[in-house]
Amino acid sequence: MASVYFVSLGCDKNLCDSEHMIFDLQKSGHNICDDPAEAEVIVINTCSFILDAMQESIDTIIEMGSYKENGSCRALIITGCLGQRFFDEIEAELPEVDAVLGTNSWDKLSATIDELLAAKDMTTPMIRIDELTGLPRSEGRVRTDPIPCAYLKIAEGCNKRCTYCVIPKLRGAYRSVPMEELINEAKRLVSEGVTEISLVAQEVTLYGVDLYGEKSLTRLLKELTKIEGLGWIRLLYCYPEEIDDDLIEVMAQNEKICHYIDMPIQHSSDAILKRMGRRTDKADIVRIIEKLRNAMPDIAIRTTLIAGFPGETEEDHKELLDFIKTIRFDRLGCFAYSREEGTVAYDMEDQVPDEIKDRWVDEIMRAQKEVTLDINKSLLNTTIRCFIEGSIEEGVYVARSYRDAGDVDCCVFVETKDPLMSGEFCDVTIRDFKDYDLIGEIAH
């Protein structure tokens, strides 16, 4: 059996795959080590969603490849999106790589390691496994985050075919994980101390359509809420056109489901939304937001935007700025459009210069900061339910409110003389804020 050093890059869905891989490796007798210089095998779970992520993956491969000469590494294995997308290029330009497992083949990792280490001649052709049918299986996962919250990946792939996105080519068609497996995985996570679970997929709102013939997210949510010891359930990546009345009702009626939703809209201009291949227009988005806020006045809505899509004009950009100021999203992220080979948008005319894209991103984030500061002012002297993540010094804890997802949103700094435990829930009265983060004290 081998010592394995593992690097996980990219999104939370990739992280779920990595944690399943680590479990399978340990079950097979391999040892996970924390020093690449001592590892016999190095595994990199890569990302290539946009150019920056791709470059990070390549840089990491080159860095880890150096341990074949300056360490104990006998095999370097690439998993995930970069390998799925660029196998031929990896084979031609990164000879230090010995095997490439695509996004849907991570359950073949242990067998691939055994095959590589058993080979006497490591100059044999690179191993390639990149099928995009079915779903890999694992009996468990090893959490890599000490904070007692976890992502639960409920589906793989996407059928939407937005013109800017490579995900369907990287991860295949939408494929739901059977509900029984998800419930069992959630129960195992809670038994290990997890008190908050965030549901993730490329789109969680379509869960079950392929397995059960209808959208089944509400049924899954009802089953998850029955798990004793699970405090919060959070929904990430809900496409607006799939948010229906049944989902809104379940969210509004069950206190375990956070009044929080991550709903990427990408833009507000009907012309740009059409060019993006999105299935909503501005009026649809407004109507859905109104429904969510009418049912849950305290709901926090997060969205993601793309600035500088081909054909976008200053008028489109100004319309988006006005939309941000009017709708007042609670949380917002914005990315400059990344021109990705293999997408419809790659060949579109009227590509926007990088300097304009960067300016638009800056203006969008400045507009959102004004909205956020105004919302934070409105929260002063209110009491909010929070999840304790840990402490930064004696008497000061880092928490997240129900309004904040892990890794991407804001923090609440809680000042108290009472000892608090990571994973504990408590009510916090907000007394101050600093930019995006809130400052409060335990409510008594």
Protein backbone atom coordinates (compact mmCIF):
# COMPACT_ATOMS: atom_id res chain seq x y z
CA MET A 1 0.00 0.00 0.00
CA ALA A 2 1.15 3.54 -0.75
CA SER A 3 1.42 6.88 0.99
CA VAL A 4 -0.76 9.37 -0.91
CA TYR A 5 -0.73 13.17 -0.88
CA PHE A 6 -4.04 14.68 -2.00
CA VAL A 7 -4.75 18.15 -3.41
CA SER A 8 -8.35 19.28 -3.95
CA LEU A 9 -8.95 22.34 -6.12
CA GLY A 10 -12.08 24.10 -7.33
CA CYS A 11 -15.66 24.06 -6.10
CA ASP A 12 -17.53 22.44 -3.24
CA LYS A 13 -18.76 19.70 -5.59
CA ASN A 14 -15.14 18.82 -6.29
CA LEU A 15 -14.50 18.77 -2.55
CA CYS A 16 -17.25 16.18 -2.08
CA ASP A 17 -15.62 13.99 -4.73
CA SER A 18 -12.23 14.42 -3.04
CA GLU A 19 -13.58 13.36 0.35
CA HIS A 20 -15.11 10.24 -1.19
CA MET A 21 -11.80 9.44 -2.90
CA ILE A 22 -9.88 9.78 0.35
CA PHE A 23 -12.31 7.41 2.07
CA ASP A 24 -11.91 4.83 -0.70
CA LEU A 25 -8.11 5.11 -0.56
CA GLN A 26 -8.02 4.57 3.18
CA LYS A 27 -10.46 1.68 2.92
CA SER A 28 -8.12 0.09 0.38
CA GLY A 29 -5.24 0.39 2.84
CA HIS A 30 -3.48 3.45 1.44
CA ASN A 31 -2.15 6.08 3.82
CA ILE A 32 -3.00 9.77 3.34
CA CYS A 33 0.06 11.87 4.21
CA ASP A 34 0.43 15.64 4.67
CA ASP A 35 3.84 16.12 3.04
CA PRO A 36 4.15 15.82 -0.75
CA ALA A 37 7.89 15.21 -0.43
CA GLU A 38 7.19 11.95 1.40
CA ALA A 39 4.33 10.71 -0.77
CA GLU A 40 4.71 7.79 -3.17
CA VAL A 41 1.58 8.94 -5.00
CA ILE A 42 0.26 12.47 -5.51
CA VAL A 43 -3.36 13.01 -6.58
CA ILE A 44 -4.65 16.39 -7.79
CA ASN A 45 -8.41 16.84 -8.15
CA THR A 46 -8.45 19.65 -10.70
CA CYS A 47 -10.78 22.39 -11.89
CA SER A 48 -11.02 24.05 -15.29
CA PHE A 49 -14.34 25.90 -15.16
CA ILE A 50 -12.73 29.24 -16.06
CA LEU A 51 -9.26 30.33 -17.14
CA ASP A 52 -8.02 31.25 -13.64
CA ALA A 53 -9.05 27.85 -12.26
CA MET A 54 -7.39 26.11 -15.18
CA GLN A 55 -4.15 27.97 -14.60
CA GLU A 56 -4.18 27.11 -10.89
CA SER A 57 -4.60 23.43 -11.80
CA ILE A 58 -1.72 23.51 -14.29
CA ASP A 59 0.56 25.33 -11.84
CA THR A 60 -0.25 22.75 -9.17
CA ILE A 61 0.50 19.85 -11.53
CA ILE A 62 3.89 21.33 -12.37
CA GLU A 63 4.65 21.99 -8.70
CA MET A 64 3.65 18.48 -7.59
CA GLY A 65 5.43 16.93 -10.57
CA SER A 66 8.72 18.21 -9.21
CA TYR A 67 8.46 15.70 -6.37
CA LYS A 68 9.10 12.89 -8.84
CA GLU A 69 12.72 14.16 -8.94
CA ASN A 70 13.00 15.88 -5.57
CA GLY A 71 10.87 13.59 -3.43
CA SER A 72 9.51 10.07 -3.17
CA CYS A 73 6.74 10.39 -5.77
CA ARG A 74 6.41 7.40 -8.08
CA ALA A 75 3.04 8.28 -9.61
CA LEU A 76 1.23 11.55 -10.31
CA ILE A 77 -2.51 11.22 -10.97
CA ILE A 78 -4.91 13.89 -12.22
CA THR A 79 -8.64 13.69 -11.51
CA GLY A 80 -11.51 16.07 -12.16
CA CYS A 81 -12.39 18.69 -14.75
CA LEU A 82 -8.99 19.52 -16.26
CA GLY A 83 -8.30 15.92 -17.14
CA GLN A 84 -11.79 15.42 -18.52
CA ARG A 85 -11.42 18.45 -20.75
CA PHE A 86 -7.76 18.40 -21.81
CA PHE A 87 -6.47 14.83 -21.75
CA ASP A 88 -4.67 15.15 -25.09
CA GLU A 89 -2.95 18.36 -24.04
CA ILE A 90 -1.92 16.88 -20.68
CA GLU A 91 -0.49 13.82 -22.41
CA ALA A 92 1.50 16.00 -24.83
CA GLU A 93 2.70 18.74 -22.50
CA LEU A 94 2.78 17.30 -18.98
CA PRO A 95 4.71 14.02 -19.25
CA GLU A 96 5.10 13.86 -15.48
CA VAL A 97 1.41 12.84 -15.25
CA ASP A 98 0.91 9.06 -15.16
CA ALA A 99 -2.89 8.77 -15.15
CA VAL A 100 -5.94 10.93 -15.79
CA LEU A 101 -9.32 10.08 -14.27
CA GLY A 102 -12.21 12.22 -15.47
CA THR A 103 -14.94 13.80 -13.38
CA ASN A 104 -17.02 10.64 -13.26
CA SER A 105 -14.25 8.12 -12.61
CA TRP A 106 -12.98 8.92 -9.15
CA ASP A 107 -14.06 5.53 -7.83
CA LYS A 108 -11.34 3.99 -10.05
CA LEU A 109 -8.57 5.82 -8.19
CA SER A 110 -7.45 3.05 -5.83
CA ALA A 111 -7.29 0.48 -8.62
CA THR A 112 -5.36 2.94 -10.80
CA ILE A 113 -2.78 3.48 -8.04
CA ASP A 114 -2.34 -0.28 -7.66
CA GLU A 115 -1.88 -0.66 -11.42
CA LEU A 116 0.70 2.12 -11.62
CA LEU A 117 2.77 0.98 -8.68
CA ALA A 118 2.75 -2.62 -9.92
CA ALA A 119 4.16 -1.55 -13.30
CA LYS A 120 7.91 -1.90 -13.56
CA ASP A 121 8.13 0.52 -16.45
CA MET A 122 6.62 3.92 -15.58
CA THR A 123 7.12 5.14 -19.16
CA THR A 124 4.06 3.20 -20.36
CA PRO A 125 1.24 5.26 -21.98
CA MET A 126 -0.77 7.47 -19.68
CA ILE A 127 -3.86 5.81 -18.20
CA ARG A 128 -7.11 7.46 -19.25
CA ILE A 129 -10.60 6.88 -17.77
CA ASP A 130 -13.20 9.49 -18.70
CA GLU A 131 -16.64 7.94 -19.14
CA LEU A 132 -19.56 10.28 -18.37
CA THR A 133 -22.35 7.75 -17.83
CA GLY A 134 -23.69 6.46 -14.54
CA LEU A 135 -22.43 7.65 -11.17
CA PRO A 136 -19.36 6.58 -9.17
CA ARG A 137 -20.11 4.97 -5.85
CA SER A 138 -18.51 5.16 -2.41
CA GLU A 139 -19.52 3.79 0.97
CA GLY A 140 -18.37 6.90 2.83
CA ARG A 141 -16.23 10.00 2.88
CA VAL A 142 -13.55 11.57 5.03
CA ARG A 143 -14.32 15.17 5.92
CA THR A 144 -11.34 17.45 5.43
CA ASP A 145 -12.80 20.51 7.18
CA PRO A 146 -12.70 20.58 10.99
CA ILE A 147 -15.74 22.89 11.10
CA PRO A 148 -18.86 20.71 11.66
CA CYS A 149 -20.61 21.63 8.44
CA ALA A 150 -20.57 19.70 5.18
CA TYR A 151 -21.68 19.77 1.57
CA LEU A 152 -23.98 17.04 0.31
CA LYS A 153 -23.68 16.56 -3.45
CA ILE A 154 -27.09 15.43 -4.65
CA ALA A 155 -26.55 15.28 -8.43
CA GLU A 156 -23.91 15.36 -11.13
CA GLY A 157 -23.88 17.08 -14.51
CA CYS A 158 -26.23 19.57 -16.16
CA ASN A 159 -28.73 19.70 -19.02
CA LYS A 160 -29.12 23.47 -19.30
CA ARG A 161 -26.54 24.19 -22.04
CA CYS A 162 -25.94 27.87 -21.22
CA THR A 163 -23.85 29.30 -24.04
CA TYR A 164 -20.91 30.33 -21.80
CA CYS A 165 -20.60 27.10 -19.80
CA VAL A 166 -18.47 23.98 -20.31
CA ILE A 167 -19.96 21.99 -17.43
CA PRO A 168 -22.16 19.67 -19.56
CA LYS A 169 -19.05 18.67 -21.53
CA LEU A 170 -17.02 18.19 -18.36
CA ARG A 171 -19.58 16.41 -16.22
CA GLY A 172 -22.20 15.05 -18.59
CA ALA A 173 -25.98 15.03 -18.39
CA TYR A 174 -27.88 15.61 -15.15
CA ARG A 175 -27.78 12.52 -12.96
CA SER A 176 -29.34 12.44 -9.49
CA VAL A 177 -27.92 10.44 -6.59
CA PRO A 178 -30.57 8.03 -5.26
CA MET A 179 -32.39 9.48 -2.28
CA GLU A 180 -31.67 6.55 0.01
CA GLU A 181 -27.92 7.03 -0.51
CA LEU A 182 -28.18 10.74 0.28
CA ILE A 183 -30.18 10.15 3.46
CA ASN A 184 -27.65 7.56 4.64
CA GLU A 185 -24.73 9.86 3.84
CA ALA A 186 -26.39 12.73 5.70
CA LYS A 187 -26.98 10.50 8.73
CA ARG A 188 -23.31 9.46 8.73
CA LEU A 189 -22.23 13.09 8.57
CA VAL A 190 -24.46 14.02 11.50
CA SER A 191 -23.19 11.03 13.49
CA GLU A 192 -19.69 12.49 13.01
CA GLY A 193 -20.77 15.82 14.50
CA VAL A 194 -21.97 17.76 11.45
CA THR A 195 -24.83 20.11 12.32
CA GLU A 196 -25.19 22.06 9.05
CA ILE A 197 -25.51 20.50 5.59
CA SER A 198 -25.52 22.45 2.33
CA LEU A 199 -27.08 20.73 -0.66
CA VAL A 200 -25.01 21.19 -3.82
CA ALA A 201 -25.18 20.19 -7.48
CA GLN A 202 -24.81 22.11 -10.68
CA GLU A 203 -28.51 22.73 -10.06
CA VAL A 204 -30.23 21.33 -6.96
CA THR A 205 -33.74 22.33 -8.02
CA LEU A 206 -33.96 19.60 -10.70
CA TYR A 207 -33.08 16.84 -8.26
CA GLY A 208 -34.85 13.58 -9.05
CA VAL A 209 -36.24 14.31 -12.52
CA ASP A 210 -34.11 11.57 -14.06
CA LEU A 211 -34.69 8.98 -11.32
CA TYR A 212 -38.27 9.58 -10.24
CA GLY A 213 -39.84 11.30 -13.24
CA GLU A 214 -40.45 14.54 -11.36
CA LYS A 215 -38.65 17.14 -9.32
CA SER A 216 -38.08 15.59 -5.90
CA LEU A 217 -36.08 18.19 -3.98
CA THR A 218 -38.97 18.93 -1.64
CA ARG A 219 -39.32 15.21 -0.81
CA LEU A 220 -35.58 14.99 -0.13
CA LEU A 221 -35.73 18.06 2.10
CA LYS A 222 -38.59 16.61 4.13
CA GLU A 223 -36.61 13.41 4.70
CA LEU A 224 -33.46 15.32 5.70
CA THR A 225 -35.35 17.41 8.25
CA LYS A 226 -36.25 14.19 10.09
CA ILE A 227 -32.58 13.53 10.95
CA GLU A 228 -32.09 14.13 14.66
CA GLY A 229 -29.10 16.34 15.41
CA LEU A 230 -29.12 18.13 12.07
CA GLY A 231 -29.67 21.82 12.75
CA TRP A 232 -29.54 23.57 9.39
CA ILE A 233 -30.09 22.61 5.76
CA ARG A 234 -28.99 25.14 3.15
CA LEU A 235 -29.77 25.28 -0.58
CA LEU A 236 -27.09 26.28 -3.06
CA TYR A 237 -27.37 26.75 -6.84
CA CYS A 238 -31.10 26.96 -7.49
CA TYR A 239 -31.83 28.07 -11.05
CA PRO A 240 -34.65 30.64 -10.87
CA GLU A 241 -36.92 28.98 -13.44
CA GLU A 242 -37.05 25.79 -11.35
CA ILE A 243 -37.98 27.43 -8.02
CA ASP A 244 -41.65 26.47 -7.68
CA ASP A 245 -44.38 27.05 -5.12
CA ASP A 246 -43.88 23.64 -3.49
CA LEU A 247 -40.21 24.38 -2.78
CA ILE A 248 -40.99 27.83 -1.41
CA GLU A 249 -43.69 26.37 0.86
CA VAL A 250 -41.38 23.67 2.27
CA MET A 251 -38.65 26.24 2.92
CA ALA A 252 -41.08 28.60 4.63
CA GLN A 253 -42.65 25.97 6.87
CA ASN A 254 -39.62 24.04 8.17
CA GLU A 255 -37.33 25.74 10.65
CA LYS A 256 -34.40 23.44 9.82
CA ILE A 257 -34.24 24.78 6.26
CA CYS A 258 -32.40 28.09 6.24
CA HIS A 259 -34.26 31.04 4.80
CA TYR A 260 -31.43 31.39 2.34
CA ILE A 261 -31.14 30.57 -1.32
CA ASP A 262 -28.31 30.79 -3.83
CA MET A 263 -29.99 31.70 -7.11
CA PRO A 264 -27.52 32.55 -9.91
CA ILE A 265 -29.21 34.85 -12.43
CA GLN A 266 -26.04 35.95 -14.38
CA HIS A 267 -27.65 39.17 -15.69
CA SER A 268 -30.86 41.21 -15.81
CA SER A 269 -30.85 42.39 -19.43
CA ASP A 270 -33.27 40.32 -21.51
CA ALA A 271 -31.00 40.62 -24.53
CA ILE A 272 -27.98 39.28 -22.66
CA LEU A 273 -29.99 36.55 -20.92
CA LYS A 274 -31.18 35.37 -24.33
CA ARG A 275 -27.64 35.31 -25.72
CA MET A 276 -26.53 33.38 -22.64
CA GLY A 277 -29.15 30.72 -23.33
CA ARG A 278 -30.80 31.33 -19.98
CA ARG A 279 -34.41 30.24 -19.50
CA THR A 280 -35.66 33.28 -17.62
CA ASP A 281 -36.08 36.93 -18.46
CA LYS A 282 -35.98 39.93 -16.16
CA ALA A 283 -39.69 39.78 -15.38
CA ASP A 284 -39.40 36.09 -14.41
CA ILE A 285 -36.55 36.85 -12.04
CA VAL A 286 -38.44 39.69 -10.37
CA ARG A 287 -41.54 37.53 -9.97
CA ILE A 288 -39.60 34.68 -8.35
CA ILE A 289 -37.84 37.03 -5.94
CA GLU A 290 -41.17 38.56 -4.95
CA LYS A 291 -42.60 35.09 -4.28
CA LEU A 292 -39.63 34.16 -2.09
CA ARG A 293 -39.79 37.39 -0.10
CA ASN A 294 -43.57 37.27 0.31
CA ALA A 295 -43.36 33.75 1.73
CA MET A 296 -40.21 34.43 3.80
CA PRO A 297 -39.72 38.16 4.53
CA ASP A 298 -36.44 37.37 6.26
CA ILE A 299 -34.96 35.33 3.38
CA ALA A 300 -31.40 36.06 2.28
CA ILE A 301 -30.96 35.77 -1.49
CA ARG A 302 -27.53 35.28 -2.99
CA THR A 303 -26.83 35.57 -6.70
CA THR A 304 -23.95 35.42 -9.15
CA LEU A 305 -23.43 37.69 -12.16
CA ILE A 306 -21.27 37.65 -15.28
CA ALA A 307 -19.89 40.96 -16.53
CA GLY A 308 -18.75 41.49 -20.10
CA PHE A 309 -20.60 38.75 -21.94
CA PRO A 310 -20.18 39.01 -25.74
CA GLY A 311 -22.42 41.73 -27.11
CA GLU A 312 -22.99 43.40 -23.74
CA THR A 313 -23.19 47.18 -24.00
CA GLU A 314 -22.84 50.05 -21.57
CA GLU A 315 -26.65 50.27 -21.59
CA ASP A 316 -26.93 46.59 -20.57
CA HIS A 317 -24.39 47.18 -17.83
CA LYS A 318 -26.21 50.25 -16.50
CA GLU A 319 -29.46 48.30 -16.51
CA LEU A 320 -27.78 45.64 -14.38
CA LEU A 321 -26.45 48.25 -11.94
CA ASP A 322 -29.94 49.69 -11.56
CA PHE A 323 -31.33 46.19 -11.06
CA ILE A 324 -28.84 45.51 -8.26
CA LYS A 325 -29.80 48.72 -6.49
CA THR A 326 -33.51 48.04 -6.90
CA ILE A 327 -33.67 44.33 -6.03
CA ARG A 328 -31.12 44.60 -3.19
CA PHE A 329 -29.64 41.12 -3.15
CA ASP A 330 -28.35 40.15 0.27
CA ARG A 331 -25.25 38.50 -1.17
CA LEU A 332 -23.74 38.86 -4.63
CA GLY A 333 -20.68 37.66 -6.50
CA CYS A 334 -19.57 38.82 -9.93
CA PHE A 335 -17.09 37.38 -12.42
CA ALA A 336 -15.68 38.77 -15.61
CA TYR A 337 -16.83 36.66 -18.54
CA SER A 338 -14.28 33.95 -19.30
CA ARG A 339 -14.08 32.93 -22.97
CA GLU A 340 -14.00 29.15 -22.90
CA GLU A 341 -13.20 26.97 -25.91
CA GLY A 342 -15.95 24.54 -26.77
CA THR A 343 -18.79 26.87 -25.78
CA VAL A 344 -21.20 28.63 -28.11
CA ALA A 345 -20.21 32.01 -26.69
CA TYR A 346 -16.56 31.45 -27.58
CA ASP A 347 -17.33 32.12 -31.24
CA MET A 348 -19.76 34.98 -30.69
CA GLU A 349 -18.99 38.36 -32.19
CA ASP A 350 -18.56 41.55 -30.14
CA GLN A 351 -16.26 40.10 -27.48
CA VAL A 352 -15.83 42.68 -24.71
CA PRO A 353 -12.26 43.91 -23.98
CA ASP A 354 -10.77 42.75 -20.67
CA GLU A 355 -10.33 46.27 -19.35
CA ILE A 356 -14.04 46.97 -19.80
CA LYS A 357 -15.01 43.68 -18.16
CA ASP A 358 -12.78 44.47 -15.20
CA ARG A 359 -14.26 47.96 -14.86
CA TRP A 360 -17.79 46.58 -14.95
CA VAL A 361 -16.99 43.98 -12.28
CA ASP A 362 -15.59 46.72 -10.06
CA GLU A 363 -18.66 48.93 -10.56
CA ILE A 364 -21.01 46.04 -9.84
CA MET A 365 -19.22 45.13 -6.61
CA ARG A 366 -19.14 48.75 -5.48
CA ALA A 367 -22.88 49.01 -6.09
CA GLN A 368 -23.45 45.82 -4.13
CA LYS A 369 -21.27 47.05 -1.27
CA GLU A 370 -23.57 50.04 -0.83
CA VAL A 371 -26.55 47.68 -0.71
CA THR A 372 -24.82 45.40 1.79
CA LEU A 373 -23.84 48.27 4.08
CA ASP A 374 -27.42 49.52 4.05
CA ILE A 375 -28.75 46.04 4.88
CA ASN A 376 -26.19 45.70 7.68
CA LYS A 377 -27.38 49.00 9.19
CA SER A 378 -30.93 47.64 9.20
CA LEU A 379 -29.74 44.61 11.18
CA LEU A 380 -28.38 46.65 14.09
CA ASN A 381 -30.03 45.69 17.38
CA THR A 382 -31.82 42.73 15.81
CA THR A 383 -31.27 39.13 16.93
CA ILE A 384 -30.16 36.51 14.41
CA ARG A 385 -29.66 32.76 14.70
CA CYS A 386 -25.98 31.88 14.18
CA PHE A 387 -23.73 28.85 13.76
CA ILE A 388 -20.44 28.92 15.69
CA GLU A 389 -17.42 27.99 13.56
CA GLY A 390 -14.61 28.58 16.05
CA SER A 391 -12.77 31.18 18.11
CA ILE A 392 -10.14 33.72 17.05
CA GLU A 393 -9.15 34.83 20.55
CA GLU A 394 -10.42 34.51 24.08
CA GLY A 395 -13.97 35.76 24.25
CA VAL A 396 -14.34 36.29 20.48
CA TYR A 397 -15.90 33.65 18.22
CA VAL A 398 -16.38 33.43 14.47
CA ALA A 399 -19.93 32.56 13.45
CA ARG A 400 -22.19 32.57 10.44
CA SER A 401 -25.80 33.63 10.49
CA TYR A 402 -28.48 31.75 8.58
CA ARG A 403 -27.94 34.50 6.00
CA ASP A 404 -24.41 33.30 5.19
CA ALA A 405 -23.14 30.18 3.44
CA GLY A 406 -19.72 28.84 4.31
CA ASP A 407 -16.65 29.85 2.28
CA VAL A 408 -18.40 32.53 0.18
CA ASP A 409 -20.40 34.82 2.48
CA CYS A 410 -19.85 36.98 5.52
CA CYS A 411 -19.04 36.31 9.16
CA VAL A 412 -20.53 37.32 12.48
CA PHE A 413 -17.99 38.03 15.21
CA VAL A 414 -19.52 37.12 18.56
CA GLU A 415 -18.18 38.62 21.77
CA THR A 416 -19.03 36.66 24.92
CA LYS A 417 -17.54 35.42 28.16
CA ASP A 418 -19.52 32.20 27.82
CA PRO A 419 -17.66 29.21 26.32
CA LEU A 420 -19.05 28.21 22.93
CA MET A 421 -18.47 25.06 20.91
CA SER A 422 -17.88 24.76 17.18
CA GLY A 423 -21.12 23.63 15.56
CA GLU A 424 -23.28 25.14 18.29
CA PHE A 425 -26.25 27.35 17.41
CA CYS A 426 -27.03 30.50 19.33
CA ASP A 427 -28.99 33.73 19.03
CA VAL A 428 -26.81 36.79 18.51
CA THR A 429 -27.84 40.43 18.89
CA ILE A 430 -26.08 42.57 16.30
CA ARG A 431 -24.40 45.65 17.77
CA ASP A 432 -22.04 46.80 15.01
CA PHE A 433 -20.62 45.91 11.61
CA LYS A 434 -17.42 46.40 9.65
CA ASP A 435 -17.90 46.45 5.91
CA TYR A 436 -19.53 43.10 5.15
CA ASP A 437 -19.11 41.39 8.54
CA LEU A 438 -21.36 41.79 11.57
CA ILE A 439 -20.38 42.11 15.24
CA GLY A 440 -22.66 40.98 18.02
CA GLU A 441 -23.17 39.46 21.44
CA ILE A 442 -25.05 36.47 22.76
CA ALA A 443 -28.71 37.36 23.22
CA HIS A 444 -29.96 36.92 26.77
